[in-house]
Amino acid sequence: MKNNQIKILNLNIMHGRNVNNSVFPIFLKKERVAKNIEEIARLIKHENADIVSLQEIDRNSLFTGNFDQLTELMKLTPYRYSFYGKHSSLSLGKKSIYEFGTAILSRYQIKNTYSRPFSFSFPTPRKGFVSAEIEHPYRKIHFASVHMVWLDYLRFHSREKQAKNIIDYFSNYKNTPKIIAGDFNCDFAGKEKTLHMLCDNLNLHTYLPQKKIPTHPAVNPKVRIDWILASKKFKFLNYTVLNDLLSDHLPVKADLLLK
């Protein structure tokens, strides 16, 4: 691979649950969740991406075995660098009931990390994004892992507001090549302008945005809501939705060339 190429993998891991329903059963044993995390690690190793974007990753959640899923993935994969941002949590006294957020795994050194929880959008738990400067050997890259709201009575408005949060943050990094990957819970089609806002304001593009390449639900997927967006300084060499059933979302990978 040329030194100006970069491989990206995006995964919504659904808290490591890998069950048919994202909520039920409410409690899963640690052994089962740990096995699911092993399967996720196996895919990550197989795809050998330079940067991995993760959503719905748990830390010390009573519902998924009370362990740190990112730390476990670091043990099981060759990545030396990572960053996690907590976006939703609940505690009872000093005891954690649940905690989850988004994360980045990187082959290259990470600097200037940032975590931003979005405003709460009833009834969906709080979402957010994390970002970091990636010290790629060819050129520094600004990377973000994003999870936007799904079920919300004002969801179009809420996601557009969340996009504005991302745009405001990246306005400080106009000259740095950007890659934004994640679960956006929306498509380019239709009336919603969330993805258009991000691309227009941050000078981003993606692979065939109007093409139907569904990512959700994992079984018989119908909608394309998981995306990899990149600065127009990048050329998409490959863009693939993988058929690995690891959560209720299908993984997305892209090979990019920095021009």
Protein backbone atom coordinates (compact mmCIF):
# COMPACT_ATOMS: atom_id res chain seq x y z
CA MET A 1 0.00 0.00 0.00
CA LYS A 2 1.32 3.45 -0.93
CA ASN A 3 2.18 5.78 1.93
CA ASN A 4 -0.52 8.25 0.85
CA GLN A 5 -3.27 5.62 1.19
CA ILE A 6 -5.34 5.02 4.30
CA LYS A 7 -7.80 2.27 5.23
CA ILE A 8 -10.84 3.07 7.39
CA LEU A 9 -13.22 0.68 9.14
CA ASN A 10 -16.45 1.80 10.81
CA LEU A 11 -18.38 -0.32 13.31
CA ASN A 12 -21.43 0.28 15.47
CA ILE A 13 -20.89 -2.63 17.89
CA MET A 14 -24.25 -2.28 19.73
CA HIS A 15 -22.58 -2.51 23.16
CA GLY A 16 -21.08 -5.88 22.21
CA ARG A 17 -24.52 -7.45 22.47
CA ASN A 18 -24.84 -9.09 19.02
CA VAL A 19 -28.45 -10.18 19.59
CA ASN A 20 -31.53 -9.72 17.42
CA ASN A 21 -32.85 -6.89 19.56
CA SER A 22 -30.78 -3.88 20.64
CA VAL A 23 -32.52 -3.81 24.06
CA PHE A 24 -33.74 -7.32 24.98
CA PRO A 25 -32.62 -9.36 26.73
CA ILE A 26 -31.69 -6.51 29.06
CA PHE A 27 -28.83 -8.33 30.80
CA LEU A 28 -26.15 -10.42 29.09
CA LYS A 29 -23.47 -12.42 30.86
CA LYS A 30 -19.91 -11.15 30.67
CA GLU A 31 -18.77 -14.38 29.03
CA ARG A 32 -21.18 -13.93 26.15
CA VAL A 33 -20.35 -10.27 25.60
CA ALA A 34 -16.61 -11.04 25.84
CA LYS A 35 -17.04 -13.67 23.12
CA ASN A 36 -18.81 -11.09 20.95
CA ILE A 37 -15.95 -8.64 21.51
CA GLU A 38 -13.53 -11.37 20.43
CA GLU A 39 -15.48 -11.73 17.18
CA ILE A 40 -15.34 -7.98 16.63
CA ALA A 41 -11.58 -8.02 17.31
CA ARG A 42 -11.18 -10.84 14.80
CA LEU A 43 -12.87 -8.77 12.10
CA ILE A 44 -10.79 -5.68 12.95
CA LYS A 45 -7.58 -7.70 12.70
CA HIS A 46 -8.68 -9.29 9.43
CA GLU A 47 -9.53 -5.96 7.79
CA ASN A 48 -6.23 -4.47 8.99
CA ALA A 49 -7.48 -0.88 8.83
CA ASP A 50 -5.28 2.09 9.71
CA ILE A 51 -8.08 3.72 11.71
CA VAL A 52 -11.18 2.12 13.22
CA SER A 53 -14.26 4.14 14.19
CA LEU A 54 -16.47 2.61 16.91
CA GLN A 55 -19.92 3.52 18.22
CA GLU A 56 -21.97 2.17 21.14
CA ILE A 57 -18.93 0.85 22.98
CA ASP A 58 -19.47 0.17 26.70
CA ARG A 59 -17.43 0.72 29.83
CA ASN A 60 -18.51 -0.95 33.07
CA SER A 61 -22.13 -1.43 32.08
CA LEU A 62 -24.26 -3.60 34.31
CA PHE A 63 -26.18 -4.74 31.22
CA THR A 64 -23.13 -6.10 29.36
CA GLY A 65 -20.90 -7.74 31.95
CA ASN A 66 -19.23 -4.77 33.69
CA PHE A 67 -16.01 -4.54 31.71
CA ASP A 68 -14.16 -2.05 29.53
CA GLN A 69 -14.79 -3.10 25.92
CA LEU A 70 -12.21 -0.74 24.41
CA THR A 71 -9.47 -2.01 26.72
CA GLU A 72 -10.41 -5.56 25.73
CA LEU A 73 -10.24 -4.69 22.03
CA MET A 74 -6.80 -3.13 22.57
CA LYS A 75 -5.62 -6.41 24.09
CA LEU A 76 -6.97 -8.45 21.18
CA THR A 77 -5.80 -6.24 18.30
CA PRO A 78 -2.41 -4.75 17.37
CA TYR A 79 -3.47 -1.11 17.74
CA ARG A 80 -1.29 0.98 20.06
CA TYR A 81 -3.38 4.14 20.12
CA SER A 82 -6.98 4.77 21.09
CA PHE A 83 -9.36 7.40 22.37
CA TYR A 84 -12.76 6.98 24.00
CA GLY A 85 -15.45 9.55 24.73
CA LYS A 86 -18.26 8.95 27.22
CA HIS A 87 -21.55 10.26 25.88
CA SER A 88 -24.18 8.53 28.00
CA SER A 89 -24.01 7.17 31.55
CA LEU A 90 -26.02 6.41 34.66
CA SER A 91 -24.71 5.74 38.17
CA LEU A 92 -26.30 4.82 41.47
CA GLY A 93 -24.05 6.30 44.11
CA LYS A 94 -20.53 5.17 43.18
CA LYS A 95 -21.82 2.17 41.23
CA SER A 96 -21.97 2.45 37.44
CA ILE A 97 -25.22 1.22 35.90
CA TYR A 98 -24.11 1.89 32.35
CA GLU A 99 -21.67 3.98 30.36
CA PHE A 100 -21.08 4.09 26.63
CA GLY A 101 -19.81 6.32 23.88
CA THR A 102 -17.72 6.41 20.72
CA ALA A 103 -14.07 5.57 20.19
CA ILE A 104 -11.15 5.57 17.79
CA LEU A 105 -8.49 2.89 17.30
CA SER A 106 -5.41 3.96 15.35
CA ARG A 107 -2.26 2.43 13.96
CA TYR A 108 -0.67 5.88 14.18
CA GLN A 109 -0.14 8.21 17.09
CA ILE A 110 -3.15 10.22 18.27
CA LYS A 111 -2.94 13.85 19.43
CA ASN A 112 -5.28 16.68 20.39
CA THR A 113 -8.24 14.49 21.27
CA TYR A 114 -11.73 15.90 21.83
CA SER A 115 -15.03 14.44 23.03
CA ARG A 116 -18.39 16.14 22.61
CA PRO A 117 -21.70 14.73 23.93
CA PHE A 118 -24.69 16.05 22.01
CA SER A 119 -27.70 17.53 23.78
CA PHE A 120 -30.11 14.95 25.12
CA SER A 121 -32.86 14.04 22.63
CA PHE A 122 -35.72 12.19 24.30
CA PRO A 123 -36.20 9.22 24.32
CA THR A 124 -32.85 8.13 22.80
CA PRO A 125 -29.85 8.06 25.18
CA ARG A 126 -27.39 10.89 24.64
CA LYS A 127 -25.08 10.52 21.63
CA GLY A 128 -21.93 12.37 20.60
CA PHE A 129 -18.63 12.33 18.73
CA VAL A 130 -14.93 12.02 19.40
CA SER A 131 -12.13 13.39 17.28
CA ALA A 132 -8.36 13.27 17.13
CA GLU A 133 -5.42 14.32 15.02
CA ILE A 134 -3.86 11.21 13.49
CA GLU A 135 -0.13 11.39 12.81
CA HIS A 136 -0.27 9.59 9.46
CA PRO A 137 3.26 9.32 7.95
CA TYR A 138 2.18 11.08 4.75
CA ARG A 139 0.20 13.92 6.34
CA LYS A 140 -1.64 14.72 9.55
CA ILE A 141 -5.35 13.80 9.38
CA HIS A 142 -8.23 14.94 11.54
CA PHE A 143 -10.54 12.01 12.24
CA ALA A 144 -13.92 11.75 14.00
CA SER A 145 -16.18 8.92 15.11
CA VAL A 146 -19.81 10.06 15.25
CA HIS A 147 -23.08 8.68 16.60
CA MET A 148 -26.21 10.71 15.95
CA VAL A 149 -29.65 10.36 17.47
CA TRP A 150 -32.04 7.72 16.14
CA LEU A 151 -35.45 7.81 17.80
CA ASP A 152 -36.44 11.37 18.62
CA TYR A 153 -39.73 13.18 18.13
CA LEU A 154 -37.77 15.98 16.43
CA ARG A 155 -35.06 13.75 14.99
CA PHE A 156 -34.51 15.64 11.71
CA HIS A 157 -34.05 18.87 13.63
CA SER A 158 -31.94 17.17 16.30
CA ARG A 159 -29.53 15.56 13.85
CA GLU A 160 -29.14 18.81 11.95
CA LYS A 161 -28.33 20.51 15.25
CA GLN A 162 -25.78 17.77 15.98
CA ALA A 163 -24.26 18.31 12.52
CA LYS A 164 -23.92 21.99 13.40
CA ASN A 165 -21.94 20.99 16.53
CA ILE A 166 -19.54 19.01 14.32
CA ILE A 167 -19.26 21.83 11.78
CA ASP A 168 -18.53 24.38 14.52
CA TYR A 169 -15.76 22.20 15.93
CA PHE A 170 -14.08 21.49 12.60
CA SER A 171 -14.23 25.13 11.53
CA ASN A 172 -10.99 25.46 13.51
CA TYR A 173 -9.29 22.90 11.24
CA LYS A 174 -10.12 24.13 7.75
CA ASN A 175 -6.80 23.19 6.17
CA THR A 176 -6.41 19.71 7.67
CA PRO A 177 -7.72 16.71 5.67
CA LYS A 178 -10.73 15.25 7.49
CA ILE A 179 -12.43 11.88 7.74
CA ILE A 180 -15.71 11.59 9.63
CA ALA A 181 -17.12 8.09 10.08
CA GLY A 182 -19.99 6.74 12.08
CA ASP A 183 -23.64 5.96 12.58
CA PHE A 184 -25.47 9.05 11.32
CA ASN A 185 -28.92 7.44 11.45
CA CYS A 186 -29.86 9.13 8.18
CA ASP A 187 -29.38 8.98 4.43
CA PHE A 188 -28.63 11.51 1.69
CA ALA A 189 -32.03 10.88 0.15
CA GLY A 190 -35.21 12.63 1.22
CA LYS A 191 -35.84 15.97 2.86
CA GLU A 192 -33.31 15.69 5.67
CA LYS A 193 -30.24 17.90 5.19
CA THR A 194 -27.91 16.51 7.90
CA LEU A 195 -25.37 14.82 5.63
CA HIS A 196 -25.65 17.60 3.04
CA MET A 197 -24.84 20.14 5.78
CA LEU A 198 -21.71 18.25 6.80
CA CYS A 199 -20.47 17.80 3.24
CA ASP A 200 -21.26 21.34 2.09
CA ASN A 201 -19.84 23.14 5.13
CA LEU A 202 -16.74 20.98 5.64
CA ASN A 203 -16.01 20.32 1.94
CA LEU A 204 -16.53 16.56 2.33
CA HIS A 205 -17.74 13.85 -0.01
CA THR A 206 -18.47 10.14 0.12
CA TYR A 207 -18.74 7.18 -2.18
CA LEU A 208 -21.81 7.36 -4.46
CA PRO A 209 -24.04 9.09 -1.89
CA GLN A 210 -27.30 8.36 -3.73
CA LYS A 211 -26.52 4.67 -4.27
CA LYS A 212 -28.46 2.23 -2.13
CA ILE A 213 -25.81 0.39 -0.11
CA PRO A 214 -27.85 -0.50 3.00
CA THR A 215 -26.17 -1.01 6.38
CA HIS A 216 -29.15 -1.45 8.74
CA PRO A 217 -30.62 -3.68 10.02
CA ALA A 218 -27.80 -6.20 9.67
CA VAL A 219 -30.21 -8.94 8.64
CA ASN A 220 -31.98 -7.88 5.42
CA PRO A 221 -30.61 -4.32 5.54
CA LYS A 222 -32.87 -1.64 4.11
CA VAL A 223 -31.29 1.77 4.86
CA ARG A 224 -27.85 3.28 4.46
CA ILE A 225 -27.21 5.10 7.73
CA ASP A 226 -23.54 4.25 8.44
CA TRP A 227 -21.15 6.42 6.47
CA ILE A 228 -17.53 7.33 5.86
CA LEU A 229 -17.17 10.96 4.77
CA ALA A 230 -13.85 12.45 3.72
CA SER A 231 -12.34 15.72 2.52
CA LYS A 232 -12.29 16.13 -1.23
CA LYS A 233 -8.51 15.85 -0.98
CA PHE A 234 -9.21 12.11 -0.63
CA LYS A 235 -10.15 9.81 -3.49
CA PHE A 236 -12.26 6.74 -2.66
CA LEU A 237 -10.45 3.72 -4.08
CA ASN A 238 -12.83 1.16 -2.54
CA TYR A 239 -15.98 1.35 -0.43
CA THR A 240 -17.58 -1.83 0.91
CA VAL A 241 -20.35 -2.86 3.29
CA LEU A 242 -19.26 -6.09 4.97
CA ASN A 243 -21.67 -8.94 5.63
CA ASP A 244 -20.35 -9.69 9.12
CA LEU A 245 -23.26 -10.04 11.56
CA LEU A 246 -21.66 -8.54 14.68
CA SER A 247 -24.45 -6.16 15.75
CA ASP A 248 -27.59 -4.62 14.31
CA HIS A 249 -25.42 -2.60 11.88
CA LEU A 250 -23.15 -3.86 9.11
CA PRO A 251 -19.51 -2.69 9.11
CA VAL A 252 -18.31 -0.26 6.44
CA LYS A 253 -14.76 -0.04 5.13
CA ALA A 254 -13.10 2.34 2.71
CA ASP A 255 -9.68 2.63 1.09
CA LEU A 256 -8.74 6.27 0.52
CA LEU A 257 -5.98 7.96 -1.43
CA LEU A 258 -4.78 11.33 -0.16
CA LYS A 259 -4.13 13.38 -3.29
